[in-house]
PDB file of N, CA and C in Angstrom:
ATOM      1  N   MET A   1     252.322  65.116 117.662  1.00  0.00           N
ATOM      2  CA  MET A   1     251.326  64.398 118.426  1.00  0.00           C
ATOM      3  C   MET A   1     250.614  63.366 117.551  1.00  0.00           C
ATOM      4  N   ALA A   2     250.313  63.742 116.340  1.00  0.00           N
ATOM      5  CA  ALA A   2     249.617  62.829 115.421  1.00  0.00           C
ATOM      6  C   ALA A   2     250.498  61.637 115.058  1.00  0.00           C
ATOM      7  N   LEU A   3     251.809  61.806 115.109  1.00  0.00           N
ATOM      8  CA  LEU A   3     252.718  60.717 114.755  1.00  0.00           C
ATOM      9  C   LEU A   3     252.815  59.658 115.842  1.00  0.00           C
ATOM     10  N   GLY A   4     252.323  59.954 117.041  1.00  0.00           N
ATOM     11  CA  GLY A   4     252.382  59.016 118.153  1.00  0.00           C
ATOM     12  C   GLY A   4     251.328  57.924 118.055  1.00  0.00           C
ATOM     13  N   ARG A   5     251.323  57.057 119.082  1.00  0.00           N
ATOM     14  CA  ARG A   5     250.348  55.962 119.129  1.00  0.00           C
ATOM     15  C   ARG A   5     248.953  56.446 119.471  1.00  0.00           C
ATOM     16  N   GLU A   6     248.882  57.484 120.343  1.00  0.00           N
ATOM     17  CA  GLU A   6     247.576  57.888 120.852  1.00  0.00           C
ATOM     18  C   GLU A   6     247.616  59.331 121.336  1.00  0.00           C
ATOM     19  N   LEU A   7     246.467  59.991 121.223  1.00  0.00           N
ATOM     20  CA  LEU A   7     246.261  61.333 121.763  1.00  0.00           C
ATOM     21  C   LEU A   7     245.033  61.275 122.656  1.00  0.00           C
ATOM     22  N   VAL A   8     245.161  61.754 123.886  1.00  0.00           N
ATOM     23  CA  VAL A   8     244.037  61.835 124.806  1.00  0.00           C
ATOM     24  C   VAL A   8     243.574  63.288 124.802  1.00  0.00           C
ATOM     25  N   THR A   9     242.325  63.518 124.420  1.00  0.00           N
ATOM     26  CA  THR A   9     241.785  64.868 124.261  1.00  0.00           C
ATOM     27  C   THR A   9     241.500  65.517 125.620  1.00  0.00           C
ATOM     28  N   PHE A  10     241.129  66.801 125.599  1.00  0.00           N
ATOM     29  CA  PHE A  10     240.736  67.523 126.805  1.00  0.00           C
ATOM     30  C   PHE A  10     239.610  66.791 127.532  1.00  0.00           C
ATOM     31  N   GLU A  11     238.718  66.185 126.765  1.00  0.00           N
ATOM     32  CA  GLU A  11     237.554  65.485 127.330  1.00  0.00           C
ATOM     33  C   GLU A  11     237.869  64.057 127.759  1.00  0.00           C
ATOM     34  N   GLY A  12     239.097  63.592 127.555  1.00  0.00           N
ATOM     35  CA  GLY A  12     239.477  62.245 127.945  1.00  0.00           C
ATOM     36  C   GLY A  12     239.263  61.200 126.865  1.00  0.00           C
ATOM     37  N   GLU A  13     238.870  61.631 125.669  1.00  0.00           N
ATOM     38  CA  GLU A  13     238.693  60.695 124.557  1.00  0.00           C
ATOM     39  C   GLU A  13     240.056  60.235 124.055  1.00  0.00           C
ATOM     40  N   HIS A  14     240.170  58.954 123.777  1.00  0.00           N
ATOM     41  CA  HIS A  14     241.425  58.379 123.274  1.00  0.00           C
ATOM     42  C   HIS A  14     241.338  58.265 121.758  1.00  0.00           C
ATOM     43  N   CYS A  15     242.222  58.975 121.073  1.00  0.00           N
ATOM     44  CA  CYS A  15     242.243  58.975 119.605  1.00  0.00           C
ATOM     45  C   CYS A  15     243.505  58.261 119.127  1.00  0.00           C
ATOM     46  N   VAL A  16     243.337  57.381 118.187  1.00  0.00           N
ATOM     47  CA  VAL A  16     244.466  56.625 117.644  1.00  0.00           C
ATOM     48  C   VAL A  16     245.300  57.534 116.747  1.00  0.00           C
ATOM     49  N   GLY A  17     246.618  57.501 116.958  1.00  0.00           N
ATOM     50  CA  GLY A  17     247.535  58.260 116.124  1.00  0.00           C
ATOM     51  C   GLY A  17     248.085  57.382 115.011  1.00  0.00           C
ATOM     52  N   PHE A  18     249.058  57.911 114.291  1.00  0.00           N
ATOM     53  CA  PHE A  18     249.663  57.167 113.187  1.00  0.00           C
ATOM     54  C   PHE A  18     250.569  56.039 113.661  1.00  0.00           C
ATOM     55  N   GLY A  19     251.017  56.103 114.916  1.00  0.00           N
ATOM     56  CA  GLY A  19     251.832  55.029 115.468  1.00  0.00           C
ATOM     57  C   GLY A  19     253.270  54.992 114.979  1.00  0.00           C
ATOM     58  N   LEU A  20     253.752  56.088 114.424  1.00  0.00           N
ATOM     59  CA  LEU A  20     255.132  56.122 113.930  1.00  0.00           C
ATOM     60  C   LEU A  20     256.138  56.415 115.035  1.00  0.00           C
ATOM     61  N   LEU A  21     255.666  57.003 116.125  1.00  0.00           N
ATOM     62  CA  LEU A  21     256.510  57.266 117.291  1.00  0.00           C
ATOM     63  C   LEU A  21     255.869  56.608 118.507  1.00  0.00           C
ATOM     64  N   PRO A  22     256.671  56.034 119.400  1.00  0.00           N
ATOM     65  CA  PRO A  22     256.122  55.305 120.552  1.00  0.00           C
ATOM     66  C   PRO A  22     255.762  56.239 121.710  1.00  0.00           C
ATOM     67  N   LEU A  23     254.735  57.060 121.505  1.00  0.00           N
ATOM     68  CA  LEU A  23     254.365  57.996 122.559  1.00  0.00           C
ATOM     69  C   LEU A  23     252.860  58.190 122.611  1.00  0.00           C
ATOM     70  N   VAL A  24     252.417  58.639 123.782  1.00  0.00           N
ATOM     71  CA  VAL A  24     251.038  59.049 123.996  1.00  0.00           C
ATOM     72  C   VAL A  24     251.089  60.505 124.424  1.00  0.00           C
ATOM     73  N   SER A  25     250.272  61.350 123.800  1.00  0.00           N
ATOM     74  CA  SER A  25     250.162  62.760 124.159  1.00  0.00           C
ATOM     75  C   SER A  25     248.836  62.967 124.867  1.00  0.00           C
ATOM     76  N   ARG A  26     248.849  63.835 125.876  1.00  0.00           N
ATOM     77  CA  ARG A  26     247.650  64.109 126.652  1.00  0.00           C
ATOM     78  C   ARG A  26     247.417  65.614 126.718  1.00  0.00           C
ATOM     79  N   MET A  27     246.231  66.043 126.316  1.00  0.00           N
ATOM     80  CA  MET A  27     245.860  67.448 126.405  1.00  0.00           C
ATOM     81  C   MET A  27     245.517  67.765 127.856  1.00  0.00           C
ATOM     82  N   GLY A  28     245.766  69.000 128.288  1.00  0.00           N
ATOM     83  CA  GLY A  28     245.442  69.404 129.650  1.00  0.00           C
ATOM     84  C   GLY A  28     245.322  70.908 129.760  1.00  0.00           C
ATOM     85  N   ARG A  29     244.213  71.380 130.278  1.00  0.00           N
ATOM     86  CA  ARG A  29     243.990  72.821 130.401  1.00  0.00           C
ATOM     87  C   ARG A  29     244.782  73.452 131.544  1.00  0.00           C
ATOM     88  N   ASP A  30     245.300  72.630 132.447  1.00  0.00           N
ATOM     89  CA  ASP A  30     245.959  73.165 133.638  1.00  0.00           C
ATOM     90  C   ASP A  30     247.451  73.438 133.452  1.00  0.00           C
ATOM     91  N   ARG A  31     248.031  73.044 132.341  1.00  0.00           N
ATOM     92  CA  ARG A  31     249.477  73.216 132.174  1.00  0.00           C
ATOM     93  C   ARG A  31     249.817  73.753 130.791  1.00  0.00           C
ATOM     94  N   LEU A  32     250.052  75.043 130.719  1.00  0.00           N
ATOM     95  CA  LEU A  32     250.524  75.665 129.486  1.00  0.00           C
ATOM     96  C   LEU A  32     252.044  75.698 129.534  1.00  0.00           C
ATOM     97  N   THR A  33     252.673  75.139 128.523  1.00  0.00           N
ATOM     98  CA  THR A  33     254.125  75.203 128.401  1.00  0.00           C
ATOM     99  C   THR A  33     254.434  76.244 127.342  1.00  0.00           C
ATOM    100  N   ILE A  34     255.190  77.255 127.742  1.00  0.00           N
ATOM    101  CA  ILE A  34     255.508  78.341 126.828  1.00  0.00           C
ATOM    102  C   ILE A  34     256.902  78.867 127.156  1.00  0.00           C
ATOM    103  N   GLY A  35     257.660  79.175 126.135  1.00  0.00           N
ATOM    104  CA  GLY A  35     258.959  79.777 126.376  1.00  0.00           C
ATOM    105  C   GLY A  35     259.974  79.419 125.308  1.00  0.00           C
ATOM    106  N   PHE A  36     261.090  80.133 125.357  1.00  0.00           N
ATOM    107  CA  PHE A  36     262.186  79.883 124.434  1.00  0.00           C
ATOM    108  C   PHE A  36     263.047  78.760 124.979  1.00  0.00           C
ATOM    109  N   ARG A  37     263.657  78.000 124.072  1.00  0.00           N
ATOM    110  CA  ARG A  37     264.493  76.866 124.449  1.00  0.00           C
ATOM    111  C   ARG A  37     265.762  76.871 123.607  1.00  0.00           C
ATOM    112  N   GLU A  38     266.818  76.345 124.201  1.00  0.00           N
ATOM    113  CA  GLU A  38     268.014  75.991 123.442  1.00  0.00           C
ATOM    114  C   GLU A  38     268.182  74.499 123.638  1.00  0.00           C
ATOM    115  N   VAL A  39     268.379  73.791 122.545  1.00  0.00           N
ATOM    116  CA  VAL A  39     268.529  72.340 122.613  1.00  0.00           C
ATOM    117  C   VAL A  39     269.815  71.930 121.908  1.00  0.00           C
ATOM    118  N   GLU A  40     270.303  70.760 122.312  1.00  0.00           N
ATOM    119  CA  GLU A  40     271.474  70.162 121.679  1.00  0.00           C
ATOM    120  C   GLU A  40     271.066  68.796 121.136  1.00  0.00           C
ATOM    121  N   ALA A  41     271.382  68.547 119.893  1.00  0.00           N
ATOM    122  CA  ALA A  41     271.044  67.266 119.277  1.00  0.00           C
ATOM    123  C   ALA A  41     271.837  66.148 119.947  1.00  0.00           C
ATOM    124  N   VAL A  42     271.134  65.103 120.376  1.00  0.00           N
ATOM    125  CA  VAL A  42     271.824  63.962 120.982  1.00  0.00           C
ATOM    126  C   VAL A  42     272.091  62.864 119.962  1.00  0.00           C
ATOM    127  N   ARG A  43     271.578  63.058 118.744  1.00  0.00           N
ATOM    128  CA  ARG A  43     271.885  62.141 117.634  1.00  0.00           C
ATOM    129  C   ARG A  43     271.743  62.926 116.332  1.00  0.00           C
ATOM    130  N   THR A  44     272.354  62.425 115.301  1.00  0.00           N
ATOM    131  CA  THR A  44     272.290  63.059 113.990  1.00  0.00           C
ATOM    132  C   THR A  44     270.927  62.794 113.364  1.00  0.00           C
ATOM    133  N   SER A  45     270.364  63.836 112.740  1.00  0.00           N
ATOM    134  CA  SER A  45     269.068  63.727 112.072  1.00  0.00           C
ATOM    135  C   SER A  45     269.153  64.452 110.727  1.00  0.00           C
ATOM    136  N   ALA A  46     268.016  64.526 110.047  1.00  0.00           N
ATOM    137  CA  ALA A  46     267.959  65.244 108.765  1.00  0.00           C
ATOM    138  C   ALA A  46     268.196  66.743 108.940  1.00  0.00           C
ATOM    139  N   LEU A  47     268.076  67.251 110.180  1.00  0.00           N
ATOM    140  CA  LEU A  47     268.277  68.678 110.426  1.00  0.00           C
ATOM    141  C   LEU A  47     269.609  69.019 111.085  1.00  0.00           C
ATOM    142  N   LEU A  48     270.030  68.180 112.030  1.00  0.00           N
ATOM    143  CA  LEU A  48     271.166  68.540 112.870  1.00  0.00           C
ATOM    144  C   LEU A  48     272.161  67.391 113.000  1.00  0.00           C
ATOM    145  N   GLU A  49     273.409  67.771 113.184  1.00  0.00           N
ATOM    146  CA  GLU A  49     274.449  66.817 113.537  1.00  0.00           C
ATOM    147  C   GLU A  49     274.427  66.629 115.050  1.00  0.00           C
ATOM    148  N   LYS A  50     274.805  65.459 115.508  1.00  0.00           N
ATOM    149  CA  LYS A  50     274.908  65.221 116.941  1.00  0.00           C
ATOM    150  C   LYS A  50     275.805  66.291 117.559  1.00  0.00           C
ATOM    151  N   GLY A  51     275.355  66.874 118.663  1.00  0.00           N
ATOM    152  CA  GLY A  51     276.113  67.915 119.347  1.00  0.00           C
ATOM    153  C   GLY A  51     275.795  69.326 118.897  1.00  0.00           C
ATOM    154  N   GLN A  52     275.123  69.481 117.773  1.00  0.00           N
ATOM    155  CA  GLN A  52     274.779  70.808 117.269  1.00  0.00           C
ATOM    156  C   GLN A  52     273.692  71.422 118.138  1.00  0.00           C
ATOM    157  N   ARG A  53     273.792  72.726 118.365  1.00  0.00           N
ATOM    158  CA  ARG A  53     272.825  73.446 119.198  1.00  0.00           C
ATOM    159  C   ARG A  53     271.986  74.377 118.337  1.00  0.00           C
ATOM    160  N   VAL A  54     270.732  74.512 118.731  1.00  0.00           N
ATOM    161  CA  VAL A  54     269.818  75.385 118.002  1.00  0.00           C
ATOM    162  C   VAL A  54     268.777  75.915 118.995  1.00  0.00           C
ATOM    163  N   ARG A  55     268.186  77.026 118.642  1.00  0.00           N
ATOM    164  CA  ARG A  55     267.169  77.633 119.507  1.00  0.00           C
ATOM    165  C   ARG A  55     265.780  77.441 118.909  1.00  0.00           C
ATOM    166  N   GLY A  56     264.799  77.547 119.775  1.00  0.00           N
ATOM    167  CA  GLY A  56     263.414  77.429 119.346  1.00  0.00           C
ATOM    168  C   GLY A  56     262.484  77.883 120.456  1.00  0.00           C
ATOM    169  N   HIS A  57     261.213  77.540 120.312  1.00  0.00           N
ATOM    170  CA  HIS A  57     260.243  77.888 121.344  1.00  0.00           C
ATOM    171  C   HIS A  57     259.213  76.768 121.481  1.00  0.00           C
ATOM    172  N   GLU A  58     258.510  76.789 122.600  1.00  0.00           N
ATOM    173  CA  GLU A  58     257.414  75.855 122.844  1.00  0.00           C
ATOM    174  C   GLU A  58     256.172  76.655 123.206  1.00  0.00           C
ATOM    175  N   PHE A  59     255.027  76.162 122.782  1.00  0.00           N
ATOM    176  CA  PHE A  59     253.736  76.719 123.175  1.00  0.00           C
ATOM    177  C   PHE A  59     252.721  75.602 123.002  1.00  0.00           C
ATOM    178  N   HIS A  60     252.349  74.959 124.105  1.00  0.00           N
ATOM    179  CA  HIS A  60     251.399  73.851 123.984  1.00  0.00           C
ATOM    180  C   HIS A  60     250.675  73.595 125.298  1.00  0.00           C
ATOM    181  N   TRP A  61     249.511  72.999 125.155  1.00  0.00           N
ATOM    182  CA  TRP A  61     248.651  72.634 126.282  1.00  0.00           C
ATOM    183  C   TRP A  61     248.664  71.126 126.517  1.00  0.00           C
ATOM    184  N   SER A  62     249.679  70.462 126.111  1.00  0.00           N
ATOM    185  CA  SER A  62     249.706  69.009 126.245  1.00  0.00           C
ATOM    186  C   SER A  62     251.052  68.561 126.790  1.00  0.00           C
ATOM    187  N   VAL A  63     251.080  67.305 127.183  1.00  0.00           N
ATOM    188  CA  VAL A  63     252.329  66.663 127.584  1.00  0.00           C
ATOM    189  C   VAL A  63     252.424  65.363 126.809  1.00  0.00           C
ATOM    190  N   ALA A  64     253.629  64.920 126.585  1.00  0.00           N
ATOM    191  CA  ALA A  64     253.857  63.659 125.874  1.00  0.00           C
ATOM    192  C   ALA A  64     254.800  62.801 126.703  1.00  0.00           C
ATOM    193  N   ASP A  65     254.734  61.516 126.462  1.00  0.00           N
ATOM    194  CA  ASP A  65     255.664  60.608 127.126  1.00  0.00           C
ATOM    195  C   ASP A  65     257.090  61.067 126.865  1.00  0.00           C
ATOM    196  N   ALA A  66     257.917  60.996 127.887  1.00  0.00           N
ATOM    197  CA  ALA A  66     259.335  61.331 127.719  1.00  0.00           C
ATOM    198  C   ALA A  66     259.982  60.292 126.811  1.00  0.00           C
ATOM    199  N   PRO A  67     260.869  60.731 125.939  1.00  0.00           N
ATOM    200  CA  PRO A  67     261.503  59.765 125.032  1.00  0.00           C
ATOM    201  C   PRO A  67     262.519  58.904 125.768  1.00  0.00           C
ATOM    202  N   PRO A  68     262.605  57.636 125.398  1.00  0.00           N
ATOM    203  CA  PRO A  68     263.706  56.830 125.947  1.00  0.00           C
ATOM    204  C   PRO A  68     265.017  57.355 125.362  1.00  0.00           C
ATOM    205  N   PRO A  69     266.106  57.261 126.112  1.00  0.00           N
ATOM    206  CA  PRO A  69     267.384  57.798 125.625  1.00  0.00           C
ATOM    207  C   PRO A  69     267.759  57.327 124.228  1.00  0.00           C
ATOM    208  N   ALA A  70     267.432  56.110 123.870  1.00  0.00           N
ATOM    209  CA  ALA A  70     267.807  55.570 122.557  1.00  0.00           C
ATOM    210  C   ALA A  70     267.051  56.236 121.414  1.00  0.00           C
ATOM    211  N   LEU A  71     265.959  56.947 121.708  1.00  0.00           N
ATOM    212  CA  LEU A  71     265.155  57.584 120.658  1.00  0.00           C
ATOM    213  C   LEU A  71     265.092  59.104 120.780  1.00  0.00           C
ATOM    214  N   ALA A  72     265.697  59.662 121.822  1.00  0.00           N
ATOM    215  CA  ALA A  72     265.605  61.104 122.067  1.00  0.00           C
ATOM    216  C   ALA A  72     266.288  61.906 120.968  1.00  0.00           C
ATOM    217  N   ALA A  73     265.693  63.046 120.644  1.00  0.00           N
ATOM    218  CA  ALA A  73     266.264  63.935 119.629  1.00  0.00           C
ATOM    219  C   ALA A  73     267.200  64.969 120.244  1.00  0.00           C
ATOM    220  N   TYR A  74     266.795  65.540 121.385  1.00  0.00           N
ATOM    221  CA  TYR A  74     267.518  66.672 121.967  1.00  0.00           C
ATOM    222  C   TYR A  74     267.680  66.523 123.470  1.00  0.00           C
ATOM    223  N   ARG A  75     268.611  67.315 123.976  1.00  0.00           N
ATOM    224  CA  ARG A  75     268.683  67.595 125.404  1.00  0.00           C
ATOM    225  C   ARG A  75     268.429  69.090 125.528  1.00  0.00           C
ATOM    226  N   VAL A  76     267.483  69.453 126.390  1.00  0.00           N
ATOM    227  CA  VAL A  76     267.184  70.865 126.629  1.00  0.00           C
ATOM    228  C   VAL A  76     268.312  71.435 127.483  1.00  0.00           C
ATOM    229  N   LEU A  77     268.829  72.577 127.076  1.00  0.00           N
ATOM    230  CA  LEU A  77     269.951  73.205 127.784  1.00  0.00           C
ATOM    231  C   LEU A  77     269.460  74.308 128.706  1.00  0.00           C
ATOM    232  N   PRO A  78     270.140  74.587 129.778  1.00  0.00           N
ATOM    233  CA  PRO A  78     271.282  73.831 130.285  1.00  0.00           C
ATOM    234  C   PRO A  78     270.816  72.690 131.188  1.00  0.00           C
ATOM    235  N   ASP A  79     271.422  71.554 131.082  1.00  0.00           N
ATOM    236  CA  ASP A  79     271.184  70.417 131.971  1.00  0.00           C
ATOM    237  C   ASP A  79     269.725  70.007 132.088  1.00  0.00           C
ATOM    238  N   GLY A  80     268.985  70.154 131.001  1.00  0.00           N
ATOM    239  CA  GLY A  80     267.568  69.819 131.030  1.00  0.00           C
ATOM    240  C   GLY A  80     267.292  68.389 130.630  1.00  0.00           C
ATOM    241  N   PRO A  81     266.006  68.089 130.488  1.00  0.00           N
ATOM    242  CA  PRO A  81     265.607  66.718 130.152  1.00  0.00           C
ATOM    243  C   PRO A  81     265.822  66.411 128.672  1.00  0.00           C
ATOM    244  N   LEU A  82     265.717  65.136 128.346  1.00  0.00           N
ATOM    245  CA  LEU A  82     265.673  64.728 126.943  1.00  0.00           C
ATOM    246  C   LEU A  82     264.331  65.159 126.385  1.00  0.00           C
ATOM    247  N   GLU A  83     264.303  65.475 125.092  1.00  0.00           N
ATOM    248  CA  GLU A  83     263.082  65.991 124.476  1.00  0.00           C
ATOM    249  C   GLU A  83     263.033  65.527 123.037  1.00  0.00           C
ATOM    250  N   GLY A  84     261.832  65.268 122.545  1.00  0.00           N
ATOM    251  CA  GLY A  84     261.637  64.923 121.150  1.00  0.00           C
ATOM    252  C   GLY A  84     262.047  63.498 120.840  1.00  0.00           C
ATOM    253  N   TYR A  85     261.675  63.082 119.646  1.00  0.00           N
ATOM    254  CA  TYR A  85     261.961  61.730 119.176  1.00  0.00           C
ATOM    255  C   TYR A  85     262.665  61.810 117.835  1.00  0.00           C
ATOM    256  N   CYS A  86     263.646  60.944 117.641  1.00  0.00           N
ATOM    257  CA  CYS A  86     264.336  60.809 116.372  1.00  0.00           C
ATOM    258  C   CYS A  86     264.350  59.319 116.053  1.00  0.00           C
ATOM    259  N   VAL A  87     263.470  58.924 115.138  1.00  0.00           N
ATOM    260  CA  VAL A  87     263.297  57.515 114.788  1.00  0.00           C
ATOM    261  C   VAL A  87     263.412  57.399 113.273  1.00  0.00           C
ATOM    262  N   GLY A  88     264.486  56.781 112.786  1.00  0.00           N
ATOM    263  CA  GLY A  88     264.707  56.705 111.336  1.00  0.00           C
ATOM    264  C   GLY A  88     264.802  58.105 110.766  1.00  0.00           C
ATOM    265  N   SER A  89     263.981  58.403 109.788  1.00  0.00           N
ATOM    266  CA  SER A  89     263.991  59.746 109.183  1.00  0.00           C
ATOM    267  C   SER A  89     262.972  60.682 109.828  1.00  0.00           C
ATOM    268  N   ILE A  90     262.299  60.230 110.897  1.00  0.00           N
ATOM    269  CA  ILE A  90     261.278  61.043 111.567  1.00  0.00           C
ATOM    270  C   ILE A  90     261.905  61.809 112.718  1.00  0.00           C
ATOM    271  N   LEU A  91     261.614  63.102 112.780  1.00  0.00           N
ATOM    272  CA  LEU A  91     262.034  63.957 113.883  1.00  0.00           C
ATOM    273  C   LEU A  91     260.787  64.643 114.403  1.00  0.00           C
ATOM    274  N   GLY A  92     260.390  64.327 115.625  1.00  0.00           N
ATOM    275  CA  GLY A  92     259.204  64.923 116.227  1.00  0.00           C
ATOM    276  C   GLY A  92     259.556  65.549 117.554  1.00  0.00           C
ATOM    277  N   SER A  93     259.103  66.790 117.778  1.00  0.00           N
ATOM    278  CA  SER A  93     259.481  67.519 118.985  1.00  0.00           C
ATOM    279  C   SER A  93     258.469  68.605 119.289  1.00  0.00           C
ATOM    280  N   TYR A  94     258.350  68.932 120.569  1.00  0.00           N
ATOM    281  CA  TYR A  94     257.553  70.095 120.974  1.00  0.00           C
ATOM    282  C   TYR A  94     258.304  71.398 120.726  1.00  0.00           C
ATOM    283  N   VAL A  95     259.616  71.329 120.580  1.00  0.00           N
ATOM    284  CA  VAL A  95     260.401  72.536 120.353  1.00  0.00           C
ATOM    285  C   VAL A  95     260.308  72.902 118.873  1.00  0.00           C
ATOM    286  N   HIS A  96     259.750  74.074 118.610  1.00  0.00           N
ATOM    287  CA  HIS A  96     259.641  74.600 117.241  1.00  0.00           C
ATOM    288  C   HIS A  96     260.947  75.344 116.960  1.00  0.00           C
ATOM    289  N   LEU A  97     261.784  74.746 116.145  1.00  0.00           N
ATOM    290  CA  LEU A  97     263.113  75.292 115.907  1.00  0.00           C
ATOM    291  C   LEU A  97     263.051  76.588 115.106  1.00  0.00           C
ATOM    292  N   SER A  98     263.977  77.496 115.414  1.00  0.00           N
ATOM    293  CA  SER A  98     264.099  78.772 114.711  1.00  0.00           C
ATOM    294  C   SER A  98     265.435  78.781 113.990  1.00  0.00           C
ATOM    295  N   PHE A  99     265.395  79.063 112.700  1.00  0.00           N
ATOM    296  CA  PHE A  99     266.617  79.033 111.905  1.00  0.00           C
ATOM    297  C   PHE A  99     267.081  80.426 111.499  1.00  0.00           C
ATOM    298  N   ALA A 100     266.546  81.467 112.144  1.00  0.00           N
ATOM    299  CA  ALA A 100     266.932  82.833 111.796  1.00  0.00           C
ATOM    300  C   ALA A 100     268.418  83.077 112.052  1.00  0.00           C
ATOM    301  N   ALA A 101     268.943  82.583 113.155  1.00  0.00           N
ATOM    302  CA  ALA A 101     270.343  82.814 113.490  1.00  0.00           C
ATOM    303  C   ALA A 101     271.284  81.850 112.774  1.00  0.00           C
ATOM    304  N   ASP A 102     270.765  80.678 112.408  1.00  0.00           N
ATOM    305  CA  ASP A 102     271.619  79.668 111.768  1.00  0.00           C
ATOM    306  C   ASP A 102     270.779  78.872 110.769  1.00  0.00           C
ATOM    307  N   PRO A 103     270.789  79.264 109.497  1.00  0.00           N
ATOM    308  CA  PRO A 103     269.987  78.557 108.492  1.00  0.00           C
ATOM    309  C   PRO A 103     270.611  77.245 107.999  1.00  0.00           C
ATOM    310  N   ALA A 104     271.789  76.874 108.508  1.00  0.00           N
ATOM    311  CA  ALA A 104     272.463  75.653 108.046  1.00  0.00           C
ATOM    312  C   ALA A 104     271.592  74.397 108.174  1.00  0.00           C
ATOM    313  N   PRO A 105     270.803  74.234 109.251  1.00  0.00           N
ATOM    314  CA  PRO A 105     269.956  73.036 109.323  1.00  0.00           C
ATOM    315  C   PRO A 105     268.948  72.936 108.171  1.00  0.00           C
ATOM    316  N   LEU A 106     268.507  74.068 107.646  1.00  0.00           N
ATOM    317  CA  LEU A 106     267.576  74.030 106.507  1.00  0.00           C
ATOM    318  C   LEU A 106     268.268  73.486 105.267  1.00  0.00           C
ATOM    319  N   ALA A 107     269.493  73.925 105.036  1.00  0.00           N
ATOM    320  CA  ALA A 107     270.254  73.407 103.894  1.00  0.00           C
ATOM    321  C   ALA A 107     270.502  71.909 104.075  1.00  0.00           C
ATOM    322  N   ARG A 108     270.774  71.494 105.299  1.00  0.00           N
ATOM    323  CA  ARG A 108     270.981  70.071 105.592  1.00  0.00           C
ATOM    324  C   ARG A 108     269.706  69.288 105.297  1.00  0.00           C
ATOM    325  N   PHE A 109     268.554  69.840 105.667  1.00  0.00           N
ATOM    326  CA  PHE A 109     267.276  69.178 105.427  1.00  0.00           C
ATOM    327  C   PHE A 109     267.013  69.020 103.927  1.00  0.00           C
ATOM    328  N   VAL A 110     267.250  70.077 103.155  1.00  0.00           N
ATOM    329  CA  VAL A 110     267.041  70.022 101.708  1.00  0.00           C
ATOM    330  C   VAL A 110     267.967  68.982 101.087  1.00  0.00           C
ATOM    331  N   GLN A 111     269.221  68.960 101.525  1.00  0.00           N
ATOM    332  CA  GLN A 111     270.168  67.971 100.999  1.00  0.00           C
ATOM    333  C   GLN A 111     269.751  66.558 101.387  1.00  0.00           C
ATOM    334  N   SER A 112     269.270  66.384 102.603  1.00  0.00           N
ATOM    335  CA  SER A 112     268.804  65.078 103.059  1.00  0.00           C
ATOM    336  C   SER A 112     267.619  64.598 102.221  1.00  0.00           C
ATOM    337  N   ALA A 113     266.688  65.502 101.932  1.00  0.00           N
ATOM    338  CA  ALA A 113     265.534  65.147 101.094  1.00  0.00           C
ATOM    339  C   ALA A 113     265.980  64.790  99.680  1.00  0.00           C
ATOM    340  N   ALA A 114     266.922  65.558  99.146  1.00  0.00           N
ATOM    341  CA  ALA A 114     267.424  65.266  97.801  1.00  0.00           C
ATOM    342  C   ALA A 114     268.121  63.913  97.770  1.00  0.00           C
ATOM    343  N   ASN A 115     268.902  63.613  98.804  1.00  0.00           N
ATOM    344  CA  ASN A 115     269.584  62.312  98.872  1.00  0.00           C
ATOM    345  C   ASN A 115     268.581  61.172  98.965  1.00  0.00           C
ATOM    346  N   ALA A 116     267.533  61.352  99.757  1.00  0.00           N
ATOM    347  CA  ALA A 116     266.508  60.316  99.894  1.00  0.00           C
ATOM    348  C   ALA A 116     265.780  60.100  98.567  1.00  0.00           C
ATOM    349  N   ARG A 117     265.485  61.188  97.873  1.00  0.00           N
ATOM    350  CA  ARG A 117     264.812  61.067  96.578  1.00  0.00           C
ATOM    351  C   ARG A 117     265.699  60.342  95.587  1.00  0.00           C
ATOM    352  N   GLU A 118     266.972  60.720  95.567  1.00  0.00           N
ATOM    353  CA  GLU A 118     267.914  60.106  94.641  1.00  0.00           C
ATOM    354  C   GLU A 118     268.064  58.606  94.917  1.00  0.00           C
ATOM    355  N   SER A 119     268.202  58.229  96.171  1.00  0.00           N
ATOM    356  CA  SER A 119     268.374  56.819  96.491  1.00  0.00           C
ATOM    357  C   SER A 119     267.069  56.052  96.243  1.00  0.00           C
ATOM    358  N   GLY A 120     265.929  56.697  96.441  1.00  0.00           N
ATOM    359  CA  GLY A 120     264.644  56.059  96.166  1.00  0.00           C
ATOM    360  C   GLY A 120     264.386  55.868  94.683  1.00  0.00           C
ATOM    361  N   SER A 121     264.786  56.849  93.866  1.00  0.00           N
ATOM    362  CA  SER A 121     264.556  56.749  92.438  1.00  0.00           C
ATOM    363  C   SER A 121     265.476  55.701  91.803  1.00  0.00           C
ATOM    364  N   SER A 122     266.666  55.507  92.384  1.00  0.00           N
ATOM    365  CA  SER A 122     267.572  54.520  91.813  1.00  0.00           C
ATOM    366  C   SER A 122     267.092  53.102  92.120  1.00  0.00           C
ATOM    367  N   LYS A 123     266.309  52.926  93.186  1.00  0.00           N
ATOM    368  CA  LYS A 123     265.787  51.596  93.524  1.00  0.00           C
ATOM    369  C   LYS A 123     264.602  51.215  92.662  1.00  0.00           C
ATOM    370  N   SER A 124     263.862  52.212  92.168  1.00  0.00           N
ATOM    371  CA  SER A 124     262.655  51.897  91.406  1.00  0.00           C
ATOM    372  C   SER A 124     262.941  51.625  89.936  1.00  0.00           C
ATOM    373  N   GLY A 125     264.152  51.970  89.453  1.00  0.00           N
ATOM    374  CA  GLY A 125     264.464  51.875  88.053  1.00  0.00           C
ATOM    375  C   GLY A 125     264.839  50.545  87.597  1.00  0.00           C
TER     376      GLY A 125
END
């Protein structure tokens, strides 16, 4: 939520976000989203390869703008909506991924961070 353009509080106050993702999040006491999810990556990211499936959960009192297809991170299964944002190296989602059954995405993330550090250090030298 903080990575988006704006957050609208329970009281209706508009707070400026970091603006790294093109979304507005809105808090709301009338809609609790809770439950387990299975998602499929619709594009490759630092965590997942396109087409890879992973499980997670959601628990939140807010809603966010739906991602445009060109920026979506996941499709909620089965046959659900697009969810989350994948913009450059940023991955933002309401789905809190669980790696207990498949820790491979964690190894991918560590390798991705190491690669980014290595390529960044070679540019500064």
